[in-house]
C-alpha atoms as a PDB file:
ATOM      1  CA  MET A   1      54.630 105.014 114.790  1.00  0.00           C
ATOM      2  CA  LYS A   2      51.171 103.477 114.436  1.00  0.00           C
ATOM      3  CA  SER A   3      51.158 102.257 118.026  1.00  0.00           C
ATOM      4  CA  GLU A   4      52.095 105.738 119.287  1.00  0.00           C
ATOM      5  CA  PHE A   5      49.135 107.126 117.360  1.00  0.00           C
ATOM      6  CA  ALA A   6      46.841 104.429 118.806  1.00  0.00           C
ATOM      7  CA  LEU A   7      48.091 105.237 122.315  1.00  0.00           C
ATOM      8  CA  LEU A   8      47.506 108.971 121.846  1.00  0.00           C
ATOM      9  CA  ILE A   9      43.991 108.408 120.488  1.00  0.00           C
ATOM     10  CA  TRP A  10      43.175 106.132 123.432  1.00  0.00           C
ATOM     11  CA  LEU A  11      44.562 108.719 125.876  1.00  0.00           C
ATOM     12  CA  LEU A  12      42.456 111.408 124.218  1.00  0.00           C
ATOM     13  CA  PHE A  13      39.303 109.312 124.600  1.00  0.00           C
ATOM     14  CA  VAL A  14      40.071 108.677 128.275  1.00  0.00           C
ATOM     15  CA  LEU A  15      40.871 112.349 128.870  1.00  0.00           C
ATOM     16  CA  VAL A  16      37.647 113.616 127.343  1.00  0.00           C
ATOM     17  CA  TYR A  17      35.436 110.905 128.842  1.00  0.00           C
ATOM     18  CA  ASP A  18      36.813 111.322 132.355  1.00  0.00           C
ATOM     19  CA  LEU A  19      36.642 115.126 132.224  1.00  0.00           C
ATOM     20  CA  ARG A  20      33.033 115.057 131.040  1.00  0.00           C
ATOM     21  CA  GLU A  21      31.635 112.081 132.956  1.00  0.00           C
ATOM     22  CA  ARG A  22      34.092 111.680 135.855  1.00  0.00           C
ATOM     23  CA  ARG A  23      34.348 107.979 135.088  1.00  0.00           C
ATOM     24  CA  VAL A  24      36.203 105.650 132.730  1.00  0.00           C
ATOM     25  CA  PRO A  25      34.043 102.839 131.339  1.00  0.00           C
ATOM     26  CA  ASN A  26      35.276  99.264 131.183  1.00  0.00           C
ATOM     27  CA  TRP A  27      35.084  99.121 127.373  1.00  0.00           C
ATOM     28  CA  LEU A  28      37.525 102.018 127.154  1.00  0.00           C
ATOM     29  CA  VAL A  29      39.981 100.492 129.623  1.00  0.00           C
ATOM     30  CA  LEU A  30      39.760  97.098 127.927  1.00  0.00           C
ATOM     31  CA  SER A  31      40.328  98.564 124.464  1.00  0.00           C
ATOM     32  CA  GLY A  32      43.512 100.268 125.690  1.00  0.00           C
ATOM     33  CA  ALA A  33      44.758  97.066 127.286  1.00  0.00           C
ATOM     34  CA  VAL A  34      44.086  95.077 124.094  1.00  0.00           C
ATOM     35  CA  LEU A  35      45.894  97.698 122.001  1.00  0.00           C
ATOM     36  CA  ALA A  36      48.868  97.589 124.393  1.00  0.00           C
ATOM     37  CA  LEU A  37      49.027  93.796 124.202  1.00  0.00           C
ATOM     38  CA  ALA A  38      48.838  93.956 120.388  1.00  0.00           C
ATOM     39  CA  ALA A  39      51.671  96.502 120.301  1.00  0.00           C
ATOM     40  CA  LEU A  40      53.753  94.191 122.487  1.00  0.00           C
ATOM     41  CA  ALA A  41      52.932  91.146 120.363  1.00  0.00           C
ATOM     42  CA  PHE A  42      53.867  92.885 117.102  1.00  0.00           C
ATOM     43  CA  GLY A  43      57.019  94.470 118.506  1.00  0.00           C
ATOM     44  CA  SER A  44      55.788  98.008 117.946  1.00  0.00           C
ATOM     45  CA  GLN A  45      55.636  99.112 121.558  1.00  0.00           C
ATOM     46  CA  PRO A  46      56.129 102.922 121.615  1.00  0.00           C
ATOM     47  CA  PHE A  47      58.096 102.961 124.873  1.00  0.00           C
ATOM     48  CA  GLY A  48      60.426 100.169 123.770  1.00  0.00           C
ATOM     49  CA  ILE A  49      59.583  97.892 126.700  1.00  0.00           C
ATOM     50  CA  GLY A  50      59.167  94.133 126.732  1.00  0.00           C
ATOM     51  CA  TRP A  51      56.536  91.820 128.122  1.00  0.00           C
ATOM     52  CA  ALA A  52      58.002  91.547 131.609  1.00  0.00           C
ATOM     53  CA  THR A  53      58.314  95.302 132.059  1.00  0.00           C
ATOM     54  CA  ALA A  54      54.785  95.871 130.724  1.00  0.00           C
ATOM     55  CA  LEU A  55      53.272  93.253 133.027  1.00  0.00           C
ATOM     56  CA  VAL A  56      55.111  94.646 136.054  1.00  0.00           C
ATOM     57  CA  GLY A  57      53.887  98.138 135.133  1.00  0.00           C
ATOM     58  CA  ALA A  58      50.300  96.896 134.823  1.00  0.00           C
ATOM     59  CA  THR A  59      50.448  94.986 138.096  1.00  0.00           C
ATOM     60  CA  VAL A  60      51.978  97.829 140.094  1.00  0.00           C
ATOM     61  CA  GLY A  61      49.726 100.435 138.449  1.00  0.00           C
ATOM     62  CA  PHE A  62      46.603  98.468 139.282  1.00  0.00           C
ATOM     63  CA  GLY A  63      47.762  97.222 142.683  1.00  0.00           C
ATOM     64  CA  PHE A  64      48.980 100.548 144.050  1.00  0.00           C
ATOM     65  CA  LEU A  65      45.857 102.487 143.095  1.00  0.00           C
ATOM     66  CA  LEU A  66      43.673  99.633 144.320  1.00  0.00           C
ATOM     67  CA  LEU A  67      44.660 100.707 147.836  1.00  0.00           C
ATOM     68  CA  PHE A  68      43.139 104.139 147.165  1.00  0.00           C
ATOM     69  CA  TYR A  69      39.974 102.541 145.804  1.00  0.00           C
ATOM     70  CA  ALA A  70      39.706 100.299 148.865  1.00  0.00           C
ATOM     71  CA  THR A  71      39.743 103.354 151.121  1.00  0.00           C
ATOM     72  CA  GLY A  72      37.121 105.133 148.980  1.00  0.00           C
ATOM     73  CA  LEU A  73      39.511 107.815 147.746  1.00  0.00           C
ATOM     74  CA  MET A  74      39.485 106.824 144.087  1.00  0.00           C
ATOM     75  CA  GLY A  75      37.099 105.362 141.555  1.00  0.00           C
ATOM     76  CA  ALA A  76      37.471 101.891 140.081  1.00  0.00           C
ATOM     77  CA  GLY A  77      37.882 103.292 136.557  1.00  0.00           C
ATOM     78  CA  ASP A  78      40.991 105.199 137.626  1.00  0.00           C
ATOM     79  CA  VAL A  79      42.464 102.001 139.060  1.00  0.00           C
ATOM     80  CA  LYS A  80      41.729  99.902 135.972  1.00  0.00           C
ATOM     81  CA  PHE A  81      43.027 102.657 133.706  1.00  0.00           C
ATOM     82  CA  ALA A  82      46.314 102.758 135.660  1.00  0.00           C
ATOM     83  CA  GLY A  83      46.683  99.016 135.100  1.00  0.00           C
ATOM     84  CA  ALA A  84      46.084  99.324 131.356  1.00  0.00           C
ATOM     85  CA  LEU A  85      48.399 102.324 131.203  1.00  0.00           C
ATOM     86  CA  GLY A  86      51.118 100.271 132.912  1.00  0.00           C
ATOM     87  CA  LEU A  87      50.953  97.832 129.976  1.00  0.00           C
ATOM     88  CA  TRP A  88      51.824 100.702 127.656  1.00  0.00           C
ATOM     89  CA  VAL A  89      54.544 102.481 129.635  1.00  0.00           C
ATOM     90  CA  GLY A  90      56.076 100.029 132.111  1.00  0.00           C
ATOM     91  CA  LEU A  91      56.980 100.740 135.714  1.00  0.00           C
ATOM     92  CA  GLN A  92      59.771 103.283 135.250  1.00  0.00           C
ATOM     93  CA  SER A  93      57.767 105.662 133.066  1.00  0.00           C
ATOM     94  CA  LEU A  94      54.634 105.035 135.118  1.00  0.00           C
ATOM     95  CA  ALA A  95      56.359 106.406 138.214  1.00  0.00           C
ATOM     96  CA  ALA A  96      57.173 109.700 136.453  1.00  0.00           C
ATOM     97  CA  ILE A  97      53.674 109.865 134.979  1.00  0.00           C
ATOM     98  CA  TRP A  98      52.167 109.360 138.466  1.00  0.00           C
ATOM     99  CA  VAL A  99      54.159 112.301 139.802  1.00  0.00           C
ATOM    100  CA  ILE A 100      52.988 114.595 136.996  1.00  0.00           C
ATOM    101  CA  ALA A 101      49.364 113.414 137.256  1.00  0.00           C
ATOM    102  CA  SER A 102      49.356 113.759 141.038  1.00  0.00           C
ATOM    103  CA  LEU A 103      50.633 117.325 140.791  1.00  0.00           C
ATOM    104  CA  LEU A 104      47.867 118.119 138.294  1.00  0.00           C
ATOM    105  CA  ALA A 105      45.215 116.453 140.463  1.00  0.00           C
ATOM    106  CA  GLY A 106      46.512 118.233 143.573  1.00  0.00           C
ATOM    107  CA  THR A 107      46.337 121.567 141.759  1.00  0.00           C
ATOM    108  CA  HIS A 108      42.774 120.726 140.721  1.00  0.00           C
ATOM    109  CA  ALA A 109      41.814 119.954 144.330  1.00  0.00           C
ATOM    110  CA  VAL A 110      43.416 123.092 145.791  1.00  0.00           C
ATOM    111  CA  LEU A 111      41.871 125.313 143.137  1.00  0.00           C
ATOM    112  CA  TRP A 112      38.472 123.700 143.673  1.00  0.00           C
ATOM    113  CA  LEU A 113      38.701 124.239 147.439  1.00  0.00           C
ATOM    114  CA  ILE A 114      39.712 127.877 146.996  1.00  0.00           C
ATOM    115  CA  LEU A 115      36.919 128.566 144.527  1.00  0.00           C
ATOM    116  CA  ARG A 116      34.421 126.753 146.716  1.00  0.00           C
ATOM    117  CA  ARG A 117      35.286 129.011 149.635  1.00  0.00           C
ATOM    118  CA  TRP A 118      35.703 132.216 147.608  1.00  0.00           C
ATOM    119  CA  PRO A 119      33.629 131.921 144.416  1.00  0.00           C
ATOM    120  CA  TRP A 120      35.470 134.489 142.307  1.00  0.00           C
ATOM    121  CA  PHE A 121      35.059 132.487 139.127  1.00  0.00           C
ATOM    122  CA  PRO A 122      31.818 130.481 139.406  1.00  0.00           C
ATOM    123  CA  ARG A 123      32.112 128.949 135.917  1.00  0.00           C
ATOM    124  CA  LEU A 124      35.589 127.601 136.697  1.00  0.00           C
ATOM    125  CA  ALA A 125      34.366 126.225 140.026  1.00  0.00           C
ATOM    126  CA  GLN A 126      31.489 124.527 138.219  1.00  0.00           C
ATOM    127  CA  LEU A 127      33.882 123.054 135.646  1.00  0.00           C
ATOM    128  CA  LEU A 128      36.196 121.722 138.367  1.00  0.00           C
ATOM    129  CA  SER A 129      33.319 120.066 140.221  1.00  0.00           C
ATOM    130  CA  ALA A 130      31.561 118.688 137.115  1.00  0.00           C
ATOM    131  CA  GLY A 131      30.179 115.229 137.591  1.00  0.00           C
ATOM    132  CA  GLN A 132      30.021 115.583 141.352  1.00  0.00           C
ATOM    133  CA  ARG A 133      27.390 113.247 142.696  1.00  0.00           C
ATOM    134  CA  PRO A 134      25.473 113.962 145.888  1.00  0.00           C
ATOM    135  CA  VAL A 135      26.594 112.088 148.971  1.00  0.00           C
ATOM    136  CA  ALA A 136      23.951 110.028 150.760  1.00  0.00           C
ATOM    137  CA  SER A 137      22.751 111.749 153.927  1.00  0.00           C
ATOM    138  CA  ASP A 138      23.359 108.657 156.040  1.00  0.00           C
ATOM    139  CA  GLY A 139      26.940 108.360 154.838  1.00  0.00           C
ATOM    140  CA  GLY A 140      25.996 105.652 152.312  1.00  0.00           C
ATOM    141  CA  ASP A 141      28.571 103.394 150.759  1.00  0.00           C
ATOM    142  CA  SER A 142      31.805 104.610 149.183  1.00  0.00           C
ATOM    143  CA  ARG A 143      30.359 104.363 145.661  1.00  0.00           C
ATOM    144  CA  GLN A 144      28.042 107.280 146.473  1.00  0.00           C
ATOM    145  CA  LYS A 145      30.912 109.615 147.389  1.00  0.00           C
ATOM    146  CA  ALA A 146      31.526 112.642 145.223  1.00  0.00           C
ATOM    147  CA  ARG A 147      34.380 112.149 142.795  1.00  0.00           C
ATOM    148  CA  PHE A 148      35.332 115.521 141.473  1.00  0.00           C
ATOM    149  CA  ILE A 149      38.969 114.912 140.518  1.00  0.00           C
ATOM    150  CA  PRO A 150      39.271 113.154 137.151  1.00  0.00           C
ATOM    151  CA  TYR A 151      42.499 111.309 137.991  1.00  0.00           C
ATOM    152  CA  ALA A 152      42.462 109.108 134.882  1.00  0.00           C
ATOM    153  CA  ALA A 153      42.260 112.265 132.759  1.00  0.00           C
ATOM    154  CA  TYR A 154      45.327 113.621 134.516  1.00  0.00           C
ATOM    155  CA  LEU A 155      47.134 110.309 134.046  1.00  0.00           C
ATOM    156  CA  ALA A 156      46.285 110.451 130.331  1.00  0.00           C
ATOM    157  CA  LEU A 157      47.471 114.044 130.030  1.00  0.00           C
ATOM    158  CA  ALA A 158      50.668 113.273 131.951  1.00  0.00           C
ATOM    159  CA  THR A 159      51.337 110.301 129.658  1.00  0.00           C
ATOM    160  CA  ALA A 160      51.017 112.465 126.551  1.00  0.00           C
ATOM    161  CA  VAL A 161      53.387 115.010 128.103  1.00  0.00           C
ATOM    162  CA  TRP A 162      55.806 112.234 129.021  1.00  0.00           C
ATOM    163  CA  MET A 163      55.709 110.869 125.469  1.00  0.00           C
ATOM    164  CA  VAL A 164      56.716 114.265 124.078  1.00  0.00           C
ATOM    165  CA  TRP A 165      59.172 115.604 126.662  1.00  0.00           C
ATOM    166  CA  GLY A 166      59.954 112.938 129.236  1.00  0.00           C
ATOM    167  CA  ARG A 167      61.761 110.472 127.011  1.00  0.00           C
ATOM    168  CA  GLN A 168      64.078 113.020 125.448  1.00  0.00           C
ATOM    169  CA  GLY A 169      66.493 113.152 128.369  1.00  0.00           C
END
């Protein structure tokens, strides 16, 4: 029970930080990974997975999203968060969480594009594009690209949803 509470608090921190700043700092990712390792070590893992499953989840979570970072489509914080999240949930749950988070992020992107073209609700459009950084006029490097979809926040939200409803079936 205590490890579920720790996981939910960590997810809440990630959710709020990524929504407000559009980044996930290393200290926050590292704290989640340390908490996950402690839960594994003390046998209080909330998803009931073992070391092997957790390490596979972390490796696949980090490795798969690393491809998106390498192409400039995702921030490094999202990638590191997915790795730490994999330690908590393992590969099987991570796959379902990815689907939910990707649907949320896709909805965010479509809504942002619609509101950008037809600004019916300017405050909502501003909220969806919060944290957007200007792109260098010469193209610049990929770190200067605008990152307006808080994918780690959607992963955190999807994990909380999965904890409540996904494991009941």
